[in-house]
Amino acid sequence: MPSKIRLVCLPLSQSSPFATCADASIAMTDNLAVSAQGFRRGANRVRKQMWWKDMKMRILIVVGVVILLVIIIVPIVGTSFHHTTVALLF
């Protein structure tokens, strides 16, 4: 990609001195519009990729927290349930 774009307009005929400059300007405008559209598509693609990556990470964190809570809560509930059934038998 060029770092600087320079538009030089030279009249080619006496009847229409600015026709060449206008044509060059229109061509540059069209190229800029195409480049902007490509950039917009690329930016949207990257945004969607990052959104999915973020969602995957959030899902993994929630699943990890749920597993951790199950690991902590199940032994506590199992132990208290075991003590309750033993107390009811006597």
N, C-alpha and C. Protein backbone atom coordinates (compact mmCIF):
# COMPACT_ATOMS: atom_id res chain seq x y z
N MET A 1 0.84 -1.17 0.00
CA MET A 1 0.00 0.00 0.00
C MET A 1 0.89 1.24 0.00
N PRO A 2 0.65 2.14 -0.91
CA PRO A 2 1.48 3.35 -0.94
C PRO A 2 1.21 4.23 0.28
N SER A 3 2.26 4.86 0.75
CA SER A 3 2.10 5.72 1.91
C SER A 3 1.46 7.05 1.56
N LYS A 4 1.68 7.52 0.35
CA LYS A 4 1.08 8.78 -0.09
C LYS A 4 0.53 8.60 -1.50
N ILE A 5 -0.66 9.10 -1.71
CA ILE A 5 -1.25 9.09 -3.04
C ILE A 5 -1.35 10.54 -3.49
N ARG A 6 -0.85 10.79 -4.67
CA ARG A 6 -0.83 12.16 -5.15
C ARG A 6 -1.60 12.24 -6.46
N LEU A 7 -2.51 13.15 -6.53
CA LEU A 7 -3.32 13.34 -7.72
C LEU A 7 -2.81 14.56 -8.47
N VAL A 8 -2.37 14.31 -9.69
CA VAL A 8 -1.89 15.40 -10.53
C VAL A 8 -2.85 15.52 -11.70
N CYS A 9 -3.43 16.68 -11.86
CA CYS A 9 -4.40 16.91 -12.93
C CYS A 9 -3.80 17.84 -13.98
N LEU A 10 -3.70 17.33 -15.16
CA LEU A 10 -3.20 18.14 -16.26
C LEU A 10 -4.27 18.19 -17.34
N PRO A 11 -4.66 19.38 -17.78
CA PRO A 11 -5.67 19.46 -18.84
C PRO A 11 -5.11 18.93 -20.15
N LEU A 12 -5.88 18.06 -20.82
CA LEU A 12 -5.42 17.50 -22.09
C LEU A 12 -5.95 18.27 -23.29
N SER A 13 -7.04 18.95 -23.11
CA SER A 13 -7.58 19.71 -24.24
C SER A 13 -8.09 21.06 -23.75
N GLN A 14 -8.20 21.98 -24.65
CA GLN A 14 -8.67 23.31 -24.28
C GLN A 14 -10.17 23.33 -24.02
N SER A 15 -10.93 22.43 -24.64
CA SER A 15 -12.38 22.46 -24.50
C SER A 15 -12.81 22.01 -23.10
N SER A 16 -12.09 21.11 -22.50
CA SER A 16 -12.47 20.59 -21.18
C SER A 16 -11.22 20.42 -20.33
N PRO A 17 -10.75 21.48 -19.73
CA PRO A 17 -9.48 21.40 -18.98
C PRO A 17 -9.58 20.57 -17.70
N PHE A 18 -10.76 20.44 -17.13
CA PHE A 18 -10.87 19.72 -15.85
C PHE A 18 -11.46 18.32 -15.99
N ALA A 19 -11.69 17.88 -17.22
CA ALA A 19 -12.28 16.55 -17.43
C ALA A 19 -11.36 15.45 -16.93
N THR A 20 -10.07 15.57 -17.24
CA THR A 20 -9.11 14.54 -16.81
C THR A 20 -9.00 14.50 -15.30
N CYS A 21 -8.99 15.66 -14.68
CA CYS A 21 -8.90 15.73 -13.22
C CYS A 21 -10.14 15.12 -12.58
N ALA A 22 -11.30 15.39 -13.14
CA ALA A 22 -12.55 14.85 -12.59
C ALA A 22 -12.59 13.33 -12.76
N ASP A 23 -12.14 12.83 -13.91
CA ASP A 23 -12.12 11.39 -14.14
C ASP A 23 -11.17 10.70 -13.16
N ALA A 24 -10.01 11.29 -12.94
CA ALA A 24 -9.06 10.71 -12.00
C ALA A 24 -9.62 10.74 -10.58
N SER A 25 -10.30 11.83 -10.25
CA SER A 25 -10.90 11.94 -8.92
C SER A 25 -12.00 10.90 -8.72
N ILE A 26 -12.80 10.69 -9.74
CA ILE A 26 -13.87 9.67 -9.67
C ILE A 26 -13.27 8.28 -9.51
N ALA A 27 -12.21 8.00 -10.26
CA ALA A 27 -11.56 6.69 -10.16
C ALA A 27 -10.99 6.47 -8.76
N MET A 28 -10.37 7.50 -8.21
CA MET A 28 -9.81 7.37 -6.86
C MET A 28 -10.93 7.20 -5.82
N THR A 29 -12.04 7.89 -6.02
CA THR A 29 -13.17 7.77 -5.11
C THR A 29 -13.74 6.36 -5.17
N ASP A 30 -13.86 5.80 -6.36
CA ASP A 30 -14.35 4.42 -6.51
C ASP A 30 -13.41 3.43 -5.84
N ASN A 31 -12.11 3.61 -6.03
CA ASN A 31 -11.13 2.73 -5.38
C ASN A 31 -11.22 2.84 -3.86
N LEU A 32 -11.40 4.05 -3.37
CA LEU A 32 -11.52 4.24 -1.92
C LEU A 32 -12.77 3.58 -1.38
N ALA A 33 -13.88 3.66 -2.13
CA ALA A 33 -15.13 3.02 -1.70
C ALA A 33 -14.97 1.50 -1.65
N VAL A 34 -14.30 0.94 -2.64
CA VAL A 34 -14.07 -0.51 -2.65
C VAL A 34 -13.17 -0.92 -1.48
N SER A 35 -12.14 -0.13 -1.23
CA SER A 35 -11.25 -0.43 -0.10
C SER A 35 -11.98 -0.32 1.23
N ALA A 36 -12.84 0.67 1.36
CA ALA A 36 -13.61 0.84 2.60
C ALA A 36 -14.56 -0.33 2.81
N GLN A 37 -15.18 -0.79 1.74
CA GLN A 37 -16.09 -1.93 1.85
C GLN A 37 -15.32 -3.19 2.26
N GLY A 38 -14.15 -3.40 1.69
CA GLY A 38 -13.32 -4.55 2.07
C GLY A 38 -12.89 -4.46 3.52
N PHE A 39 -12.53 -3.27 3.95
CA PHE A 39 -12.13 -3.08 5.35
C PHE A 39 -13.30 -3.37 6.28
N ARG A 40 -14.49 -2.90 5.92
CA ARG A 40 -15.68 -3.11 6.74
C ARG A 40 -15.98 -4.61 6.86
N ARG A 41 -15.89 -5.33 5.75
CA ARG A 41 -16.13 -6.78 5.79
C ARG A 41 -15.12 -7.48 6.67
N GLY A 42 -13.86 -7.11 6.52
CA GLY A 42 -12.82 -7.72 7.34
C GLY A 42 -13.00 -7.41 8.82
N ALA A 43 -13.38 -6.18 9.13
CA ALA A 43 -13.60 -5.80 10.52
C ALA A 43 -14.77 -6.56 11.12
N ASN A 44 -15.84 -6.74 10.34
CA ASN A 44 -16.99 -7.51 10.83
C ASN A 44 -16.62 -8.96 11.06
N ARG A 45 -15.81 -9.53 10.17
CA ARG A 45 -15.38 -10.92 10.33
C ARG A 45 -14.55 -11.09 11.60
N VAL A 46 -13.64 -10.16 11.83
CA VAL A 46 -12.80 -10.23 13.04
C VAL A 46 -13.66 -10.04 14.29
N ARG A 47 -14.64 -9.14 14.22
CA ARG A 47 -15.52 -8.90 15.37
C ARG A 47 -16.31 -10.16 15.71
N LYS A 48 -16.82 -10.85 14.69
CA LYS A 48 -17.57 -12.08 14.93
C LYS A 48 -16.67 -13.17 15.49
N GLN A 49 -15.46 -13.28 14.97
CA GLN A 49 -14.51 -14.27 15.49
C GLN A 49 -14.20 -14.00 16.96
N MET A 50 -13.98 -12.76 17.30
CA MET A 50 -13.67 -12.42 18.69
C MET A 50 -14.87 -12.65 19.60
N TRP A 51 -16.09 -12.40 19.09
CA TRP A 51 -17.30 -12.65 19.88
C TRP A 51 -17.42 -14.13 20.20
N TRP A 52 -17.21 -15.01 19.20
CA TRP A 52 -17.27 -16.44 19.44
C TRP A 52 -16.18 -16.89 20.41
N LYS A 53 -15.01 -16.34 20.26
CA LYS A 53 -13.91 -16.69 21.17
C LYS A 53 -14.25 -16.30 22.60
N ASP A 54 -14.83 -15.11 22.77
CA ASP A 54 -15.24 -14.63 24.08
C ASP A 54 -16.34 -15.52 24.65
N MET A 55 -17.33 -15.91 23.84
CA MET A 55 -18.41 -16.78 24.30
C MET A 55 -17.87 -18.14 24.73
N LYS A 56 -16.96 -18.70 23.98
CA LYS A 56 -16.38 -19.99 24.34
C LYS A 56 -15.68 -19.90 25.69
N MET A 57 -14.95 -18.81 25.91
CA MET A 57 -14.24 -18.63 27.18
C MET A 57 -15.24 -18.49 28.32
N ARG A 58 -16.31 -17.74 28.13
CA ARG A 58 -17.32 -17.58 29.18
C ARG A 58 -17.99 -18.91 29.51
N ILE A 59 -18.30 -19.69 28.46
CA ILE A 59 -18.92 -20.99 28.68
C ILE A 59 -17.98 -21.90 29.46
N LEU A 60 -16.71 -21.91 29.11
CA LEU A 60 -15.73 -22.74 29.83
C LEU A 60 -15.61 -22.31 31.29
N ILE A 61 -15.64 -21.02 31.56
CA ILE A 61 -15.55 -20.54 32.94
C ILE A 61 -16.78 -20.96 33.72
N VAL A 62 -17.98 -20.83 33.13
CA VAL A 62 -19.21 -21.22 33.82
C VAL A 62 -19.20 -22.72 34.10
N VAL A 63 -18.80 -23.53 33.13
CA VAL A 63 -18.74 -24.98 33.32
C VAL A 63 -17.72 -25.31 34.42
N GLY A 64 -16.59 -24.64 34.42
CA GLY A 64 -15.58 -24.87 35.47
C GLY A 64 -16.11 -24.53 36.85
N VAL A 65 -16.82 -23.42 36.97
CA VAL A 65 -17.37 -23.02 38.27
C VAL A 65 -18.43 -24.02 38.72
N VAL A 66 -19.27 -24.49 37.80
CA VAL A 66 -20.30 -25.47 38.16
C VAL A 66 -19.65 -26.77 38.62
N ILE A 67 -18.64 -27.23 37.92
CA ILE A 67 -17.94 -28.46 38.33
C ILE A 67 -17.30 -28.28 39.69
N LEU A 68 -16.67 -27.14 39.91
CA LEU A 68 -16.05 -26.86 41.21
C LEU A 68 -17.09 -26.86 42.33
N LEU A 69 -18.24 -26.23 42.08
CA LEU A 69 -19.30 -26.22 43.09
C LEU A 69 -19.82 -27.62 43.36
N VAL A 70 -19.98 -28.43 42.34
CA VAL A 70 -20.42 -29.82 42.53
C VAL A 70 -19.40 -30.58 43.35
N ILE A 71 -18.12 -30.39 43.07
CA ILE A 71 -17.07 -31.09 43.82
C ILE A 71 -17.09 -30.68 45.29
N ILE A 72 -17.41 -29.41 45.57
CA ILE A 72 -17.44 -28.94 46.95
C ILE A 72 -18.75 -29.33 47.65
N ILE A 73 -19.87 -29.18 46.99
CA ILE A 73 -21.17 -29.36 47.64
C ILE A 73 -21.55 -30.84 47.81
N VAL A 74 -21.27 -31.69 46.85
CA VAL A 74 -21.68 -33.10 46.93
C VAL A 74 -21.10 -33.80 48.16
N PRO A 75 -19.83 -33.66 48.48
CA PRO A 75 -19.33 -34.34 49.70
C PRO A 75 -19.98 -33.78 50.98
N ILE A 76 -20.25 -32.48 51.02
CA ILE A 76 -20.86 -31.90 52.21
C ILE A 76 -22.28 -32.42 52.38
N VAL A 77 -23.05 -32.42 51.30
CA VAL A 77 -24.44 -32.91 51.37
C VAL A 77 -24.44 -34.41 51.63
N GLY A 78 -23.55 -35.16 51.03
CA GLY A 78 -23.48 -36.61 51.25
C GLY A 78 -23.13 -36.94 52.69
N THR A 79 -22.23 -36.20 53.29
CA THR A 79 -21.84 -36.43 54.68
C THR A 79 -22.99 -36.07 55.62
N SER A 80 -23.64 -34.96 55.41
CA SER A 80 -24.74 -34.57 56.29
C SER A 80 -25.93 -35.51 56.09
N PHE A 81 -26.16 -36.01 54.89
CA PHE A 81 -27.23 -36.96 54.65
C PHE A 81 -26.93 -38.28 55.35
N HIS A 82 -25.67 -38.70 55.33
CA HIS A 82 -25.27 -39.94 55.99
C HIS A 82 -25.48 -39.82 57.50
N HIS A 83 -25.11 -38.69 58.11
CA HIS A 83 -25.29 -38.48 59.54
C HIS A 83 -26.77 -38.43 59.90
N THR A 84 -27.60 -37.88 59.06
CA THR A 84 -29.04 -37.80 59.31
C THR A 84 -29.66 -39.17 59.29
N THR A 85 -29.29 -40.01 58.36
CA THR A 85 -29.87 -41.36 58.28
C THR A 85 -29.40 -42.21 59.44
N VAL A 86 -28.17 -42.05 59.89
CA VAL A 86 -27.67 -42.80 61.03
C VAL A 86 -28.41 -42.36 62.30
N ALA A 87 -28.66 -41.05 62.44
CA ALA A 87 -29.36 -40.55 63.62
C ALA A 87 -30.81 -41.03 63.64
N LEU A 88 -31.44 -41.17 62.49
CA LEU A 88 -32.83 -41.62 62.43
C LEU A 88 -32.94 -43.10 62.79
N LEU A 89 -31.90 -43.87 62.53
CA LEU A 89 -31.95 -45.29 62.84
C LEU A 89 -31.92 -45.55 64.35
N PHE A 90 -31.34 -44.69 65.15
CA PHE A 90 -31.24 -44.91 66.59
C PHE A 90 -32.29 -44.20 67.30
